[in-house]
N, C-alpha and C. Protein backbone atom coordinates (compact mmCIF):
# COMPACT_ATOMS: atom_id res chain seq x y z
N SER A 1 39.96 63.94 110.13
CA SER A 1 40.17 65.05 111.69
C SER A 1 40.56 66.38 111.03
N GLU A 2 40.44 67.50 111.11
CA GLU A 2 40.88 68.74 111.28
C GLU A 2 42.31 69.51 111.17
N VAL A 3 42.62 69.04 111.70
CA VAL A 3 44.81 69.19 112.23
C VAL A 3 45.01 67.23 111.65
N SER A 4 46.24 67.58 111.35
CA SER A 4 46.83 66.14 110.94
C SER A 4 48.44 66.60 110.86
N ILE A 5 48.84 65.93 111.86
CA ILE A 5 50.02 66.04 112.06
C ILE A 5 51.47 65.08 112.20
N ASP A 6 51.66 65.55 111.39
CA ASP A 6 53.42 64.43 110.36
C ASP A 6 54.23 64.31 111.56
N LEU A 7 54.98 63.92 112.30
CA LEU A 7 56.16 63.44 113.37
C LEU A 7 57.80 63.95 113.46
N ASP A 8 57.37 63.23 111.60
CA ASP A 8 58.81 63.36 110.89
C ASP A 8 58.70 64.86 110.46
N ASP A 9 58.06 65.62 110.72
CA ASP A 9 58.03 67.39 109.92
C ASP A 9 58.72 67.82 111.73
N PRO A 10 60.19 68.83 110.57
CA PRO A 10 60.74 69.32 111.46
C PRO A 10 59.61 70.51 112.38
N ARG A 11 58.45 71.41 111.72
CA ARG A 11 58.08 72.31 112.31
C ARG A 11 57.36 71.39 113.45
N TYR A 12 56.84 70.29 113.68
CA TYR A 12 56.60 70.02 115.04
C TYR A 12 57.58 69.07 116.18
N ALA A 13 58.47 69.20 115.68
CA ALA A 13 60.19 69.11 116.72
C ALA A 13 60.00 68.98 118.02
N ALA A 14 58.86 70.29 118.84
CA ALA A 14 59.05 70.58 119.66
C ALA A 14 57.49 69.38 120.74
N LEU A 15 56.68 68.74 119.22
CA LEU A 15 56.25 67.16 120.26
C LEU A 15 56.83 66.30 120.10
N LEU A 16 57.92 65.91 119.81
CA LEU A 16 58.82 64.52 120.14
C LEU A 16 59.20 64.31 121.62
N GLU A 17 58.89 65.43 122.76
CA GLU A 17 59.33 65.11 124.25
C GLU A 17 58.04 65.70 124.90
N PRO A 18 57.22 64.77 125.66
CA PRO A 18 55.96 65.19 126.14
C PRO A 18 56.27 66.14 127.24
N GLY A 19 55.28 67.16 127.07
CA GLY A 19 55.16 68.17 127.51
C GLY A 19 55.05 69.32 126.55
N GLY A 20 56.29 69.29 125.54
CA GLY A 20 55.71 69.90 123.99
C GLY A 20 54.55 70.30 123.36
N ALA A 21 55.15 71.93 122.72
CA ALA A 21 53.37 72.38 121.95
C ALA A 21 53.21 73.44 121.58
N VAL A 22 53.08 73.21 120.16
CA VAL A 22 53.20 73.73 118.96
C VAL A 22 52.21 74.47 118.03
N LYS A 23 51.59 75.94 117.29
CA LYS A 23 50.98 76.29 117.29
C LYS A 23 50.25 75.88 115.83
N VAL A 24 49.43 75.56 115.35
CA VAL A 24 49.09 75.26 113.58
C VAL A 24 48.81 75.92 113.19
N ALA A 25 48.16 76.84 111.95
CA ALA A 25 47.79 77.11 111.57
C ALA A 25 46.72 76.14 110.63
N VAL A 26 45.61 76.34 110.32
CA VAL A 26 44.18 76.01 110.17
C VAL A 26 43.59 76.45 109.40
N GLU A 27 42.93 75.88 107.94
CA GLU A 27 41.96 76.68 107.75
C GLU A 27 40.67 76.45 107.85
N GLY A 28 39.81 77.56 107.84
CA GLY A 28 38.46 77.96 108.33
C GLY A 28 39.21 78.20 110.68
N TYR A 29 39.77 78.11 110.72
CA TYR A 29 39.91 79.17 111.75
C TYR A 29 41.05 80.28 111.95
N THR A 30 40.50 81.57 113.17
CA THR A 30 40.69 82.48 112.29
C THR A 30 41.93 82.90 113.64
N TYR A 31 43.11 81.62 114.67
CA TYR A 31 43.43 81.46 115.34
C TYR A 31 44.33 80.00 115.32
N PRO A 32 45.47 79.77 115.17
CA PRO A 32 45.87 78.55 115.04
C PRO A 32 45.34 77.55 115.88
N VAL A 33 45.94 77.00 116.31
CA VAL A 33 45.32 75.55 117.02
C VAL A 33 46.53 75.28 117.68
N ILE A 34 46.46 74.25 119.15
CA ILE A 34 47.27 74.08 119.70
C ILE A 34 47.87 73.29 120.46
N VAL A 35 48.06 72.51 119.74
CA VAL A 35 48.53 70.39 119.65
C VAL A 35 49.66 70.44 121.04
N VAL A 36 49.62 69.70 121.61
CA VAL A 36 49.98 69.21 122.99
C VAL A 36 50.40 67.84 122.77
N ARG A 37 52.41 67.74 123.03
CA ARG A 37 51.67 66.16 123.83
C ARG A 37 51.80 65.75 125.41
N LEU A 38 50.58 65.35 125.66
CA LEU A 38 50.56 64.71 126.85
C LEU A 38 51.83 63.75 127.90
N ASP A 39 52.16 62.92 127.53
CA ASP A 39 52.90 62.24 127.75
C ASP A 39 53.06 60.87 126.20
N ALA A 40 53.66 60.29 126.57
CA ALA A 40 54.52 59.29 125.58
C ALA A 40 53.18 58.97 124.49
N GLU A 41 52.47 58.45 124.77
CA GLU A 41 50.95 58.55 123.71
C GLU A 41 50.08 59.54 123.21
N THR A 42 49.74 59.98 124.19
CA THR A 42 48.64 60.92 124.32
C THR A 42 49.04 62.39 123.65
N PHE A 43 48.42 62.91 122.79
CA PHE A 43 48.31 64.33 122.16
C PHE A 43 47.01 64.59 122.06
N THR A 44 46.83 65.92 122.18
CA THR A 44 45.14 66.76 122.59
C THR A 44 45.18 68.03 121.54
N ALA A 45 44.94 68.69 120.62
CA ALA A 45 44.15 69.58 120.12
C ALA A 45 43.15 70.51 120.53
N PHE A 46 43.67 72.27 120.33
CA PHE A 46 42.12 72.34 120.78
C PHE A 46 42.98 74.70 120.52
N SER A 47 41.25 74.74 120.54
CA SER A 47 41.79 75.71 120.07
C SER A 47 42.35 77.30 120.28
N SER A 48 43.25 78.46 120.34
CA SER A 48 43.60 79.64 120.58
C SER A 48 43.71 80.11 120.90
N CYS A 49 41.69 80.13 120.70
CA CYS A 49 41.09 81.57 121.22
C CYS A 49 40.06 81.63 122.27
N CYS A 50 40.54 82.39 122.97
CA CYS A 50 39.37 82.57 124.35
C CYS A 50 38.31 82.91 124.12
N THR A 51 37.57 81.59 125.46
CA THR A 51 36.45 81.94 125.26
C THR A 51 35.84 83.24 125.82
N HIS A 52 36.77 84.00 125.88
CA HIS A 52 36.89 85.75 127.09
C HIS A 52 35.61 86.09 126.03
N TRP A 53 36.85 87.28 125.10
CA TRP A 53 36.67 87.47 124.14
C TRP A 53 37.37 87.85 122.99
N GLY A 54 38.15 86.33 122.38
CA GLY A 54 38.55 86.18 121.52
C GLY A 54 39.71 86.10 121.49
N CYS A 55 40.61 86.80 121.95
CA CYS A 55 42.26 86.75 122.81
C CYS A 55 42.57 85.04 122.00
N GLU A 56 43.86 85.50 121.56
CA GLU A 56 44.74 83.76 120.79
C GLU A 56 45.80 83.65 122.41
N VAL A 57 45.03 82.91 122.64
CA VAL A 57 46.39 82.61 124.02
C VAL A 57 46.89 81.80 123.55
N GLU A 58 48.06 81.86 124.47
CA GLU A 58 50.27 81.53 124.61
C GLU A 58 49.89 79.99 124.31
N LEU A 59 50.60 79.47 124.29
CA LEU A 59 51.63 78.24 124.46
C LEU A 59 51.77 78.11 125.53
N PRO A 60 51.12 76.63 126.48
CA PRO A 60 51.78 76.72 128.20
C PRO A 60 52.83 76.56 127.73
N ASP A 61 52.91 77.40 129.73
CA ASP A 61 54.26 77.60 129.86
C ASP A 61 55.16 76.01 130.34
N GLU A 62 56.40 76.44 131.45
CA GLU A 62 56.99 75.38 131.82
C GLU A 62 56.03 74.94 132.79
N GLU A 63 54.97 75.49 133.43
CA GLU A 63 54.13 74.88 135.05
C GLU A 63 53.21 74.55 134.10
N GLY A 64 53.12 74.14 132.54
CA GLY A 64 52.15 73.45 131.75
C GLY A 64 50.74 74.12 132.13
N ILE A 65 50.52 75.69 131.86
CA ILE A 65 49.67 76.57 131.92
C ILE A 65 49.80 77.77 130.69
N VAL A 66 48.34 77.80 129.62
CA VAL A 66 47.91 78.41 128.87
C VAL A 66 47.13 79.52 129.77
N HIS A 67 48.25 80.57 129.56
CA HIS A 67 47.27 81.85 129.90
C HIS A 67 46.96 82.95 128.73
N CYS A 68 45.65 82.72 129.00
CA CYS A 68 45.34 84.55 127.39
C CYS A 68 45.29 85.83 128.28
N LEU A 69 46.49 86.37 127.43
CA LEU A 69 47.18 87.87 128.00
C LEU A 69 45.79 88.59 127.77
N CYS A 70 44.89 88.70 127.02
CA CYS A 70 43.94 89.61 127.44
C CYS A 70 43.32 90.29 128.63
N HIS A 71 42.87 89.55 129.73
CA HIS A 71 42.04 89.19 131.31
C HIS A 71 42.26 87.97 131.51
N ALA A 72 43.46 88.15 131.59
CA ALA A 72 44.67 86.60 132.28
C ALA A 72 43.53 85.65 132.97
N SER A 73 42.82 85.16 132.39
CA SER A 73 42.04 83.08 132.20
C SER A 73 43.01 82.36 131.94
N ARG A 74 43.53 81.90 132.58
CA ARG A 74 44.54 80.63 132.73
C ARG A 74 43.79 79.20 131.87
N PHE A 75 44.50 77.94 131.29
CA PHE A 75 43.83 76.92 131.19
C PHE A 75 44.92 75.62 131.09
N ASP A 76 44.64 74.37 131.36
CA ASP A 76 45.24 73.46 131.27
C ASP A 76 45.81 72.62 129.46
N THR A 77 46.77 72.35 130.02
CA THR A 77 47.55 71.64 129.10
C THR A 77 46.76 71.21 128.06
N GLU A 78 45.21 70.48 128.73
CA GLU A 78 43.82 70.12 127.89
C GLU A 78 42.66 71.16 127.43
N GLY A 79 43.69 72.34 128.14
CA GLY A 79 42.26 73.20 127.09
C GLY A 79 41.63 73.78 128.45
N LYS A 80 41.67 72.55 129.18
CA LYS A 80 40.43 72.97 130.35
C LYS A 80 40.84 75.03 130.86
N LEU A 81 39.38 74.66 130.93
CA LEU A 81 39.47 76.18 131.54
C LEU A 81 40.09 76.00 133.82
N LEU A 82 41.00 76.72 133.87
CA LEU A 82 41.69 76.77 135.50
C LEU A 82 41.70 77.77 136.45
N ASP A 83 41.30 79.09 135.29
CA ASP A 83 40.70 80.42 136.23
C ASP A 83 40.45 81.40 135.30
N GLY A 84 39.50 82.69 135.82
CA GLY A 84 39.34 84.20 135.43
C GLY A 84 38.17 84.16 134.53
N VAL A 85 38.28 85.02 133.50
CA VAL A 85 37.28 85.71 133.26
C VAL A 85 36.47 84.09 132.11
N ALA A 86 37.12 84.26 131.52
CA ALA A 86 37.10 83.03 130.04
C ALA A 86 35.45 82.29 130.87
N PHE A 87 34.26 81.65 129.60
CA PHE A 87 33.17 81.73 129.47
C PHE A 87 33.58 79.70 130.35
N SER A 88 34.70 79.60 129.50
CA SER A 88 34.68 77.59 129.36
C SER A 88 35.57 77.30 129.25
N ASP A 89 36.51 76.24 129.00
CA ASP A 89 37.42 75.41 128.39
C ASP A 89 38.01 75.93 126.98
N LEU A 90 38.47 75.36 126.83
CA LEU A 90 39.32 75.80 124.84
C LEU A 90 38.47 74.99 123.94
N LEU A 91 38.13 75.14 123.00
CA LEU A 91 37.80 74.45 122.00
C LEU A 91 38.03 72.89 121.70
N GLN A 92 37.74 72.33 121.45
CA GLN A 92 38.93 70.77 121.62
C GLN A 92 38.43 70.75 120.00
N VAL A 93 39.43 70.73 119.69
CA VAL A 93 39.78 70.18 117.97
C VAL A 93 40.86 68.29 117.56
N GLU A 94 40.09 68.24 116.08
CA GLU A 94 40.19 67.00 116.06
C GLU A 94 41.68 67.15 115.51
N LEU A 95 42.39 65.44 116.05
CA LEU A 95 43.43 65.53 115.91
C LEU A 95 44.33 64.38 114.88
N GLU A 96 44.66 64.02 114.02
CA GLU A 96 45.52 63.29 114.03
C GLU A 96 46.75 62.98 114.36
N VAL A 97 47.81 61.85 114.40
CA VAL A 97 49.22 62.51 114.60
C VAL A 97 49.72 60.99 113.80
N GLN A 98 50.50 61.78 113.11
CA GLN A 98 51.86 60.76 112.37
C GLN A 98 52.29 60.26 112.53
N ALA A 99 53.17 59.14 113.15
CA ALA A 99 54.34 58.92 114.07
C ALA A 99 55.31 58.82 113.51
N PRO A 100 56.90 58.99 113.46
CA PRO A 100 57.91 58.60 113.25
C PRO A 100 58.15 56.39 112.54
N THR A 101 58.18 56.57 111.70
CA THR A 101 58.06 55.22 111.40
C THR A 101 59.44 54.28 111.51
N ALA A 102 59.52 53.20 112.72
CA ALA A 102 61.20 52.80 113.00
C ALA A 102 62.17 52.08 112.33
N VAL A 103 61.23 51.48 111.07
CA VAL A 103 62.06 51.42 109.82
C VAL A 103 62.88 52.56 109.60
N GLN A 104 63.48 52.42 108.97
CA GLN A 104 65.48 53.29 108.43
C GLN A 104 64.84 53.39 107.19
N ARG A 105 64.58 55.02 106.71
CA ARG A 105 64.14 54.91 105.48
C ARG A 105 65.78 54.68 104.43
N LYS A 106 65.44 53.70 102.95
CA LYS A 106 66.24 54.00 102.67
C LYS A 106 65.58 54.08 100.74
N SER A 107 66.97 54.55 100.07
CA SER A 107 66.00 54.52 98.57
C SER A 107 66.15 53.13 98.61
N TRP A 108 65.17 53.08 96.46
CA TRP A 108 65.45 51.69 95.84
C TRP A 108 66.79 51.32 95.84
N GLY A 109 67.91 52.38 95.77
CA GLY A 109 69.56 52.31 95.29
C GLY A 109 69.57 51.26 95.74
N GLN A 110 69.74 52.19 97.36
CA GLN A 110 70.04 51.30 98.54
C GLN A 110 69.85 50.32 99.06
N VAL A 111 68.26 50.25 98.28
CA VAL A 111 68.10 48.59 98.57
C VAL A 111 68.38 47.36 98.08
N LYS A 112 68.07 47.84 97.15
CA LYS A 112 68.44 47.34 95.45
C LYS A 112 70.29 46.19 95.99
N LYS A 113 70.90 47.66 96.31
CA LYS A 113 71.98 47.36 96.59
C LYS A 113 72.41 46.69 97.81
N GLY A 114 72.19 47.15 98.51
CA GLY A 114 72.02 45.49 99.92
C GLY A 114 71.35 44.48 99.70
N SER A 115 70.66 44.20 99.02
CA SER A 115 70.74 42.18 98.77
C SER A 115 71.02 41.65 97.53
N THR A 116 71.98 42.37 96.94
CA THR A 116 72.92 41.67 95.83
C THR A 116 73.94 40.94 96.74
């Protein structure tokens, strides 16, 4: 996958809740990739490079609208074009998400001590 995020990483704390979004710098991309948590199980990722003149779009606002401040194109939380002068949807990016494990982390010392 092109983008891999670990939900245990504090940099991605916004993605713990549906509607949360972050920008992630990815090698080979001029602008960061936007990762959005759509609901409890679904995430999406797309380029933050507008398809009109290549300006960097914003993270989704409270209404879930992604704005390009250069020429007022608007996209939804999946990067699909809603309106404006952009030519097409934002480029989708392959995403891998590692969710936190349900098992609490313990050091070997704690596990060993607990089993005696």
